[in-house]
Amino acid sequence: VGASVDGKGQFTFGNTDTTTFPGMPRPDGQINLTVM
């Protein structure tokens, strides 16, 4: 419908830390998005 989204990214996960983000291992990384 005339719009678009493009994205790329990468994350690593610290499985020894599941409290910073409750219920999941702590992620580190980034995602780049372009919306037109």
Full PDB file with SEQRES, HELIX, SHEET, SSBOND, CRYST1, ORIGX, SCALE, CONECT and MASTER records, all heavy atoms in Angstrom:
SEQRES   1 A   36  VAL GLY ALA SER VAL ASP GLY LYS GLY GLN PHE THR PHE          
SEQRES   2 A   36  GLY ASN THR ASP THR THR THR PHE PRO GLY MET PRO ARG          
SEQRES   3 A   36  PRO ASP GLY GLN ILE ASN LEU THR VAL MET                      
SHEET    1 AA1 2 VAL A   5  GLY A  14  0                                        
SHEET    2 AA1 2 ARG A  26  VAL A  35 -1                                        
CRYST1    1.000    1.000    1.000  90.00  90.00  90.00 P 1           1          
ORIGX1      1.000000  0.000000  0.000000        0.00000                         
ORIGX2      0.000000  1.000000  0.000000        0.00000                         
ORIGX3      0.000000  0.000000  1.000000        0.00000                         
SCALE1      1.000000  0.000000  0.000000        0.00000                         
SCALE2      0.000000  1.000000  0.000000        0.00000                         
SCALE3      0.000000  0.000000  1.000000        0.00000                         
ATOM      1  N   VAL A   1       0.812  -1.218   0.000  1.00  0.00           N  
ATOM      2  CA  VAL A   1       0.000   0.000   0.000  1.00  0.00           C  
ATOM      3  C   VAL A   1       0.848   1.271   0.000  1.00  0.00           C  
ATOM      4  O   VAL A   1       0.559   2.234   0.693  1.00  0.00           O  
ATOM      5  CB  VAL A   1      -1.009   0.004   1.176  1.00  0.00           C  
ATOM      6  CG1 VAL A   1      -2.044  -1.080   0.990  1.00  0.00           C  
ATOM      7  CG2 VAL A   1      -0.293  -0.160   2.528  1.00  0.00           C  
ATOM      8  N   GLY A   2       1.928   1.266  -0.774  1.00  0.00           N  
ATOM      9  CA  GLY A   2       2.731   2.461  -0.945  1.00  0.00           C  
ATOM     10  C   GLY A   2       3.744   2.730   0.143  1.00  0.00           C  
ATOM     11  O   GLY A   2       4.424   3.774   0.113  1.00  0.00           O  
ATOM     12  N   ALA A   3       3.873   1.857   1.112  1.00  0.00           N  
ATOM     13  CA  ALA A   3       4.856   2.024   2.188  1.00  0.00           C  
ATOM     14  C   ALA A   3       5.772   0.808   2.233  1.00  0.00           C  
ATOM     15  O   ALA A   3       5.455  -0.253   1.688  1.00  0.00           O  
ATOM     16  CB  ALA A   3       4.158   2.209   3.532  1.00  0.00           C  
ATOM     17  N   SER A   4       6.912   0.986   2.896  1.00  0.00           N  
ATOM     18  CA  SER A   4       7.853  -0.127   2.998  1.00  0.00           C  
ATOM     19  C   SER A   4       8.638  -0.038   4.294  1.00  0.00           C  
ATOM     20  O   SER A   4       8.826   1.049   4.859  1.00  0.00           O  
ATOM     21  CB  SER A   4       8.818  -0.140   1.809  1.00  0.00           C  
ATOM     22  OG  SER A   4       9.678   0.990   1.850  1.00  0.00           O  
ATOM     23  N   VAL A   5       9.079  -1.193   4.764  1.00  0.00           N  
ATOM     24  CA  VAL A   5       9.935  -1.308   5.944  1.00  0.00           C  
ATOM     25  C   VAL A   5      11.081  -2.237   5.583  1.00  0.00           C  
ATOM     26  O   VAL A   5      10.865  -3.330   5.045  1.00  0.00           O  
ATOM     27  CB  VAL A   5       9.169  -1.872   7.160  1.00  0.00           C  
ATOM     28  CG1 VAL A   5      10.109  -2.030   8.350  1.00  0.00           C  
ATOM     29  CG2 VAL A   5       7.996  -0.984   7.522  1.00  0.00           C  
ATOM     30  N   ASP A   6      12.305  -1.797   5.867  1.00  0.00           N  
ATOM     31  CA  ASP A   6      13.494  -2.629   5.669  1.00  0.00           C  
ATOM     32  C   ASP A   6      14.290  -2.634   6.959  1.00  0.00           C  
ATOM     33  O   ASP A   6      14.450  -1.577   7.609  1.00  0.00           O  
ATOM     34  CB  ASP A   6      14.356  -2.089   4.528  1.00  0.00           C  
ATOM     35  CG  ASP A   6      13.688  -2.249   3.175  1.00  0.00           C  
ATOM     36  OD1 ASP A   6      13.697  -3.368   2.654  1.00  0.00           O  
ATOM     37  OD2 ASP A   6      13.151  -1.247   2.671  1.00  0.00           O  
ATOM     38  N   GLY A   7      14.807  -3.810   7.327  1.00  0.00           N  
ATOM     39  CA  GLY A   7      15.548  -3.886   8.575  1.00  0.00           C  
ATOM     40  C   GLY A   7      16.631  -4.934   8.570  1.00  0.00           C  
ATOM     41  O   GLY A   7      16.523  -5.952   7.878  1.00  0.00           O  
ATOM     42  N   LYS A   8      17.681  -4.661   9.342  1.00  0.00           N  
ATOM     43  CA  LYS A   8      18.760  -5.609   9.592  1.00  0.00           C  
ATOM     44  C   LYS A   8      19.255  -5.390  11.016  1.00  0.00           C  
ATOM     45  O   LYS A   8      19.153  -4.283  11.552  1.00  0.00           O  
ATOM     46  CB  LYS A   8      19.920  -5.427   8.606  1.00  0.00           C  
ATOM     47  CG  LYS A   8      19.609  -5.828   7.180  1.00  0.00           C  
ATOM     48  CD  LYS A   8      20.855  -5.724   6.298  1.00  0.00           C  
ATOM     49  CE  LYS A   8      20.552  -6.190   4.882  1.00  0.00           C  
ATOM     50  NZ  LYS A   8      21.758  -6.149   4.006  1.00  0.00           N  
ATOM     51  N   GLY A   9      19.789  -6.439  11.619  1.00  0.00           N  
ATOM     52  CA  GLY A   9      20.290  -6.274  12.972  1.00  0.00           C  
ATOM     53  C   GLY A   9      20.906  -7.543  13.510  1.00  0.00           C  
ATOM     54  O   GLY A   9      20.833  -8.607  12.885  1.00  0.00           O  
ATOM     55  N   GLN A  10      21.528  -7.417  14.692  1.00  0.00           N  
ATOM     56  CA  GLN A  10      22.179  -8.567  15.310  1.00  0.00           C  
ATOM     57  C   GLN A  10      22.211  -8.380  16.820  1.00  0.00           C  
ATOM     58  O   GLN A  10      22.450  -7.274  17.320  1.00  0.00           O  
ATOM     59  CB  GLN A  10      23.606  -8.742  14.771  1.00  0.00           C  
ATOM     60  CG  GLN A  10      24.292 -10.001  15.269  1.00  0.00           C  
ATOM     61  CD  GLN A  10      25.631 -10.220  14.580  1.00  0.00           C  
ATOM     62  OE1 GLN A  10      26.187  -9.290  14.011  1.00  0.00           O  
ATOM     63  NE2 GLN A  10      26.149 -11.433  14.634  1.00  0.00           N  
ATOM     64  N   PHE A  11      21.968  -9.481  17.545  1.00  0.00           N  
ATOM     65  CA  PHE A  11      21.983  -9.454  18.999  1.00  0.00           C  
ATOM     66  C   PHE A  11      22.693 -10.694  19.531  1.00  0.00           C  
ATOM     67  O   PHE A  11      22.636 -11.771  18.923  1.00  0.00           O  
ATOM     68  CB  PHE A  11      20.554  -9.432  19.567  1.00  0.00           C  
ATOM     69  CG  PHE A  11      19.806  -8.162  19.306  1.00  0.00           C  
ATOM     70  CD1 PHE A  11      19.025  -8.027  18.155  1.00  0.00           C  
ATOM     71  CD2 PHE A  11      19.879  -7.104  20.183  1.00  0.00           C  
ATOM     72  CE1 PHE A  11      18.327  -6.863  17.897  1.00  0.00           C  
ATOM     73  CE2 PHE A  11      19.185  -5.926  19.944  1.00  0.00           C  
ATOM     74  CZ  PHE A  11      18.422  -5.805  18.796  1.00  0.00           C  
ATOM     75  N   THR A  12      23.363 -10.524  20.661  1.00  0.00           N  
ATOM     76  CA  THR A  12      23.866 -11.649  21.446  1.00  0.00           C  
ATOM     77  C   THR A  12      23.110 -11.658  22.770  1.00  0.00           C  
ATOM     78  O   THR A  12      22.508 -10.649  23.168  1.00  0.00           O  
ATOM     79  CB  THR A  12      25.375 -11.539  21.704  1.00  0.00           C  
ATOM     80  OG1 THR A  12      25.648 -10.317  22.415  1.00  0.00           O  
ATOM     81  CG2 THR A  12      26.153 -11.554  20.403  1.00  0.00           C  
ATOM     82  N   PHE A  13      23.129 -12.791  23.467  1.00  0.00           N  
ATOM     83  CA  PHE A  13      22.319 -12.934  24.669  1.00  0.00           C  
ATOM     84  C   PHE A  13      23.158 -13.467  25.819  1.00  0.00           C  
ATOM     85  O   PHE A  13      23.904 -14.441  25.665  1.00  0.00           O  
ATOM     86  CB  PHE A  13      21.134 -13.872  24.409  1.00  0.00           C  
ATOM     87  CG  PHE A  13      20.179 -13.331  23.379  1.00  0.00           C  
ATOM     88  CD1 PHE A  13      20.388 -13.555  22.028  1.00  0.00           C  
ATOM     89  CD2 PHE A  13      19.094 -12.570  23.767  1.00  0.00           C  
ATOM     90  CE1 PHE A  13      19.516 -13.046  21.076  1.00  0.00           C  
ATOM     91  CE2 PHE A  13      18.213 -12.051  22.819  1.00  0.00           C  
ATOM     92  CZ  PHE A  13      18.423 -12.288  21.480  1.00  0.00           C  
ATOM     93  N   GLY A  14      23.056 -12.786  26.968  1.00  0.00           N  
ATOM     94  CA  GLY A  14      23.739 -13.219  28.179  1.00  0.00           C  
ATOM     95  C   GLY A  14      22.829 -14.089  29.011  1.00  0.00           C  
ATOM     96  O   GLY A  14      21.935 -13.589  29.717  1.00  0.00           O  
ATOM     97  N   ASN A  15      23.022 -15.387  28.953  1.00  0.00           N  
ATOM     98  CA  ASN A  15      22.116 -16.312  29.617  1.00  0.00           C  
ATOM     99  C   ASN A  15      22.294 -16.354  31.121  1.00  0.00           C  
ATOM    100  O   ASN A  15      21.479 -16.955  31.828  1.00  0.00           O  
ATOM    101  CB  ASN A  15      22.291 -17.715  29.021  1.00  0.00           C  
ATOM    102  CG  ASN A  15      21.703 -17.825  27.626  1.00  0.00           C  
ATOM    103  OD1 ASN A  15      20.517 -18.061  27.463  1.00  0.00           O  
ATOM    104  ND2 ASN A  15      22.550 -17.653  26.607  1.00  0.00           N  
ATOM    105  N   THR A  16      23.351 -15.720  31.652  1.00  0.00           N  
ATOM    106  CA  THR A  16      23.527 -15.678  33.105  1.00  0.00           C  
ATOM    107  C   THR A  16      22.715 -14.557  33.742  1.00  0.00           C  
ATOM    108  O   THR A  16      22.623 -14.484  34.966  1.00  0.00           O  
ATOM    109  CB  THR A  16      25.021 -15.491  33.445  1.00  0.00           C  
ATOM    110  OG1 THR A  16      25.492 -14.275  32.840  1.00  0.00           O  
ATOM    111  CG2 THR A  16      25.840 -16.667  32.942  1.00  0.00           C  
ATOM    112  N   ASP A  17      22.133 -13.697  32.918  1.00  0.00           N  
ATOM    113  CA  ASP A  17      21.338 -12.573  33.425  1.00  0.00           C  
ATOM    114  C   ASP A  17      19.932 -12.643  32.856  1.00  0.00           C  
ATOM    115  O   ASP A  17      19.707 -12.346  31.683  1.00  0.00           O  
ATOM    116  CB  ASP A  17      22.004 -11.243  33.043  1.00  0.00           C  
ATOM    117  CG  ASP A  17      21.221 -10.028  33.542  1.00  0.00           C  
ATOM    118  OD1 ASP A  17      20.178 -10.216  34.202  1.00  0.00           O  
ATOM    119  OD2 ASP A  17      21.656  -8.897  33.261  1.00  0.00           O  
ATOM    120  N   THR A  18      18.996 -13.054  33.694  1.00  0.00           N  
ATOM    121  CA  THR A  18      17.594 -13.107  33.267  1.00  0.00           C  
ATOM    122  C   THR A  18      16.729 -12.183  34.125  1.00  0.00           C  
ATOM    123  O   THR A  18      15.502 -12.336  34.157  1.00  0.00           O  
ATOM    124  CB  THR A  18      17.053 -14.546  33.357  1.00  0.00           C  
ATOM    125  OG1 THR A  18      17.226 -15.022  34.698  1.00  0.00           O  
ATOM    126  CG2 THR A  18      17.776 -15.465  32.390  1.00  0.00           C  
ATOM    127  N   THR A  19      17.363 -11.233  34.812  1.00  0.00           N  
ATOM    128  CA  THR A  19      16.622 -10.288  35.665  1.00  0.00           C  
ATOM    129  C   THR A  19      16.545  -8.894  35.048  1.00  0.00           C  
ATOM    130  O   THR A  19      15.569  -8.177  35.275  1.00  0.00           O  
ATOM    131  CB  THR A  19      17.275 -10.199  37.052  1.00  0.00           C  
ATOM    132  OG1 THR A  19      18.646  -9.791  36.905  1.00  0.00           O  
ATOM    133  CG2 THR A  19      17.212 -11.551  37.761  1.00  0.00           C  
ATOM    134  N   THR A  20      17.578  -8.485  34.298  1.00  0.00           N  
ATOM    135  CA  THR A  20      17.531  -7.161  33.671  1.00  0.00           C  
ATOM    136  C   THR A  20      16.311  -7.035  32.773  1.00  0.00           C  
ATOM    137  O   THR A  20      15.602  -6.020  32.777  1.00  0.00           O  
ATOM    138  CB  THR A  20      18.819  -6.905  32.867  1.00  0.00           C  
ATOM    139  OG1 THR A  20      19.942  -6.989  33.737  1.00  0.00           O  
ATOM    140  CG2 THR A  20      18.789  -5.525  32.227  1.00  0.00           C  
ATOM    141  N   PHE A  21      16.081  -8.072  31.983  1.00  0.00           N  
ATOM    142  CA  PHE A  21      14.852  -8.182  31.192  1.00  0.00           C  
ATOM    143  C   PHE A  21      14.140  -9.436  31.698  1.00  0.00           C  
ATOM    144  O   PHE A  21      14.466 -10.552  31.274  1.00  0.00           O  
ATOM    145  CB  PHE A  21      15.155  -8.300  29.700  1.00  0.00           C  
ATOM    146  CG  PHE A  21      15.769  -7.061  29.106  1.00  0.00           C  
ATOM    147  CD1 PHE A  21      17.137  -6.848  29.158  1.00  0.00           C  
ATOM    148  CD2 PHE A  21      14.972  -6.093  28.516  1.00  0.00           C  
ATOM    149  CE1 PHE A  21      17.707  -5.711  28.621  1.00  0.00           C  
ATOM    150  CE2 PHE A  21      15.520  -4.951  27.980  1.00  0.00           C  
ATOM    151  CZ  PHE A  21      16.898  -4.752  28.035  1.00  0.00           C  
ATOM    152  N   PRO A  22      13.226  -9.286  32.656  1.00  0.00           N  
ATOM    153  CA  PRO A  22      12.639 -10.438  33.344  1.00  0.00           C  
ATOM    154  C   PRO A  22      12.119 -11.506  32.388  1.00  0.00           C  
ATOM    155  O   PRO A  22      11.398 -11.222  31.431  1.00  0.00           O  
ATOM    156  CB  PRO A  22      11.491  -9.812  34.156  1.00  0.00           C  
ATOM    157  CG  PRO A  22      11.920  -8.400  34.378  1.00  0.00           C  
ATOM    158  CD  PRO A  22      12.659  -8.008  33.126  1.00  0.00           C  
ATOM    159  N   GLY A  23      12.538 -12.743  32.673  1.00  0.00           N  
ATOM    160  CA  GLY A  23      12.052 -13.877  31.916  1.00  0.00           C  
ATOM    161  C   GLY A  23      12.814 -14.196  30.657  1.00  0.00           C  
ATOM    162  O   GLY A  23      12.479 -15.167  29.969  1.00  0.00           O  
ATOM    163  N   MET A  24      13.846 -13.387  30.323  1.00  0.00           N  
ATOM    164  CA  MET A  24      14.619 -13.656  29.123  1.00  0.00           C  
ATOM    165  C   MET A  24      16.081 -13.285  29.346  1.00  0.00           C  
ATOM    166  O   MET A  24      16.390 -12.424  30.184  1.00  0.00           O  
ATOM    167  CB  MET A  24      14.063 -12.875  27.930  1.00  0.00           C  
ATOM    168  CG  MET A  24      14.172 -11.367  28.043  1.00  0.00           C  
ATOM    169  SD  MET A  24      13.673 -10.502  26.528  1.00  0.00           S  
ATOM    170  CE  MET A  24      15.037 -10.949  25.431  1.00  0.00           C  
ATOM    171  N   PRO A  25      17.019 -13.931  28.625  1.00  0.00           N  
ATOM    172  CA  PRO A  25      18.435 -13.559  28.748  1.00  0.00           C  
ATOM    173  C   PRO A  25      18.669 -12.148  28.235  1.00  0.00           C  
ATOM    174  O   PRO A  25      17.984 -11.688  27.322  1.00  0.00           O  
ATOM    175  CB  PRO A  25      19.158 -14.607  27.911  1.00  0.00           C  
ATOM    176  CG  PRO A  25      18.136 -15.095  26.950  1.00  0.00           C  
ATOM    177  CD  PRO A  25      16.825 -15.034  27.662  1.00  0.00           C  
ATOM    178  N   ARG A  26      19.656 -11.447  28.851  1.00  0.00           N  
ATOM    179  CA  ARG A  26      19.900 -10.047  28.499  1.00  0.00           C  
ATOM    180  C   ARG A  26      20.455  -9.932  27.088  1.00  0.00           C  
ATOM    181  O   ARG A  26      21.485 -10.502  26.761  1.00  0.00           O  
ATOM    182  CB  ARG A  26      20.893  -9.422  29.472  1.00  0.00           C  
ATOM    183  CG  ARG A  26      21.052  -7.911  29.290  1.00  0.00           C  
ATOM    184  CD  ARG A  26      22.208  -7.355  30.088  1.00  0.00           C  
ATOM    185  NE  ARG A  26      23.482  -7.730  29.483  1.00  0.00           N  
ATOM    186  CZ  ARG A  26      24.404  -8.455  30.105  1.00  0.00           C  
ATOM    187  NH1 ARG A  26      24.203  -8.885  31.340  1.00  0.00           N  
ATOM    188  NH2 ARG A  26      25.541  -8.752  29.494  1.00  0.00           N  
ATOM    189  N   PRO A  27      19.774  -9.165  26.204  1.00  0.00           N  
ATOM    190  CA  PRO A  27      20.283  -8.977  24.840  1.00  0.00           C  
ATOM    191  C   PRO A  27      21.252  -7.811  24.767  1.00  0.00           C  
ATOM    192  O   PRO A  27      21.168  -6.859  25.538  1.00  0.00           O  
ATOM    193  CB  PRO A  27      19.009  -8.675  24.050  1.00  0.00           C  
ATOM    194  CG  PRO A  27      18.103  -8.018  25.036  1.00  0.00           C  
ATOM    195  CD  PRO A  27      18.424  -8.597  26.383  1.00  0.00           C  
ATOM    196  N   ASP A  28      22.167  -7.903  23.812  1.00  0.00           N  
ATOM    197  CA  ASP A  28      23.076  -6.814  23.470  1.00  0.00           C  
ATOM    198  C   ASP A  28      23.211  -6.780  21.961  1.00  0.00           C  
ATOM    199  O   ASP A  28      23.490  -7.807  21.336  1.00  0.00           O  
ATOM    200  CB  ASP A  28      24.456  -7.007  24.109  1.00  0.00           C  
ATOM    201  CG  ASP A  28      24.467  -6.673  25.588  1.00  0.00           C  
ATOM    202  OD1 ASP A  28      24.489  -5.475  25.914  1.00  0.00           O  
ATOM    203  OD2 ASP A  28      24.428  -7.618  26.408  1.00  0.00           O  
ATOM    204  N   GLY A  29      23.006  -5.606  21.369  1.00  0.00           N  
ATOM    205  CA  GLY A  29      23.108  -5.480  19.921  1.00  0.00           C  
ATOM    206  C   GLY A  29      22.218  -4.365  19.423  1.00  0.00           C  
ATOM    207  O   GLY A  29      21.756  -3.515  20.197  1.00  0.00           O  
ATOM    208  N   GLN A  30      21.970  -4.352  18.126  1.00  0.00           N  
ATOM    209  CA  GLN A  30      21.142  -3.297  17.564  1.00  0.00           C  
ATOM    210  C   GLN A  30      20.443  -3.764  16.298  1.00  0.00           C  
ATOM    211  O   GLN A  30      20.883  -4.723  15.649  1.00  0.00           O  
ATOM    212  CB  GLN A  30      21.962  -2.043  17.271  1.00  0.00           C  
ATOM    213  CG  GLN A  30      22.940  -2.178  16.113  1.00  0.00           C  
ATOM    214  CD  GLN A  30      23.706  -0.890  15.845  1.00  0.00           C  
ATOM    215  OE1 GLN A  30      24.119  -0.202  16.786  1.00  0.00           O  
ATOM    216  NE2 GLN A  30      23.898  -0.560  14.581  1.00  0.00           N  
ATOM    217  N   ILE A  31      19.360  -3.043  15.980  1.00  0.00           N  
ATOM    218  CA  ILE A  31      18.635  -3.282  14.752  1.00  0.00           C  
ATOM    219  C   ILE A  31      18.451  -1.948  14.045  1.00  0.00           C  
ATOM    220  O   ILE A  31      18.152  -0.931  14.687  1.00  0.00           O  
ATOM    221  CB  ILE A  31      17.274  -3.953  15.029  1.00  0.00           C  
ATOM    222  CG1 ILE A  31      16.531  -4.220  13.712  1.00  0.00           C  
ATOM    223  CG2 ILE A  31      16.424  -3.142  15.972  1.00  0.00           C  
ATOM    224  CD1 ILE A  31      15.279  -5.060  13.893  1.00  0.00           C  
ATOM    225  N   ASN A  32      18.675  -1.932  12.745  1.00  0.00           N  
ATOM    226  CA  ASN A  32      18.542  -0.724  11.928  1.00  0.00           C  
ATOM    227  C   ASN A  32      17.330  -0.863  11.027  1.00  0.00           C  
ATOM    228  O   ASN A  32      17.195  -1.847  10.286  1.00  0.00           O  
ATOM    229  CB  ASN A  32      19.795  -0.502  11.081  1.00  0.00           C  
ATOM    230  CG  ASN A  32      21.039  -0.355  11.927  1.00  0.00           C  
ATOM    231  OD1 ASN A  32      21.100   0.493  12.816  1.00  0.00           O  
ATOM    232  ND2 ASN A  32      22.043  -1.187  11.662  1.00  0.00           N  
ATOM    233  N   LEU A  33      16.443   0.141  11.091  1.00  0.00           N  
ATOM    234  CA  LEU A  33      15.197   0.109  10.336  1.00  0.00           C  
ATOM    235  C   LEU A  33      15.079   1.341   9.445  1.00  0.00           C  
ATOM    236  O   LEU A  33      15.467   2.443   9.845  1.00  0.00           O  
ATOM    237  CB  LEU A  33      13.993   0.058  11.281  1.00  0.00           C  
ATOM    238  CG  LEU A  33      13.872  -1.172  12.191  1.00  0.00           C  
ATOM    239  CD1 LEU A  33      12.782  -0.952  13.221  1.00  0.00           C  
ATOM    240  CD2 LEU A  33      13.602  -2.423  11.373  1.00  0.00           C  
ATOM    241  N   THR A  34      14.530   1.138   8.261  1.00  0.00           N  
ATOM    242  CA  THR A  34      14.202   2.240   7.355  1.00  0.00           C  
ATOM    243  C   THR A  34      12.747   2.098   6.945  1.00  0.00           C  
ATOM    244  O   THR A  34      12.329   1.045   6.455  1.00  0.00           O  
ATOM    245  CB  THR A  34      15.096   2.219   6.100  1.00  0.00           C  
ATOM    246  OG1 THR A  34      16.469   2.326   6.490  1.00  0.00           O  
ATOM    247  CG2 THR A  34      14.752   3.382   5.182  1.00  0.00           C  
ATOM    248  N   VAL A  35      11.980   3.166   7.170  1.00  0.00           N  
ATOM    249  CA  VAL A  35      10.556   3.169   6.857  1.00  0.00           C  
ATOM    250  C   VAL A  35      10.300   4.254   5.815  1.00  0.00           C  
ATOM    251  O   VAL A  35      10.631   5.423   6.028  1.00  0.00           O  
ATOM    252  CB  VAL A  35       9.706   3.420   8.111  1.00  0.00           C  
ATOM    253  CG1 VAL A  35       8.217   3.380   7.757  1.00  0.00           C  
ATOM    254  CG2 VAL A  35      10.025   2.393   9.194  1.00  0.00           C  
ATOM    255  N   MET A  36       9.696   3.871   4.699  1.00  0.00           N  
ATOM    256  CA  MET A  36       9.389   4.818   3.631  1.00  0.00           C  
ATOM    257  C   MET A  36       7.881   4.869   3.402  1.00  0.00           C  
ATOM    258  O   MET A  36       7.209   3.830   3.399  1.00  0.00           O  
ATOM    259  CB  MET A  36      10.098   4.422   2.327  1.00  0.00           C  
ATOM    260  CG  MET A  36      11.617   4.378   2.438  1.00  0.00           C  
ATOM    261  SD  MET A  36      12.406   3.889   0.867  1.00  0.00           S  
ATOM    262  CE  MET A  36      11.930   5.274  -0.180  1.00  0.00           C  
TER     263      MET A  36                                                      
MASTER        0    0    0    0    2    0    0    6  262    1    0    3          
END                                                                             
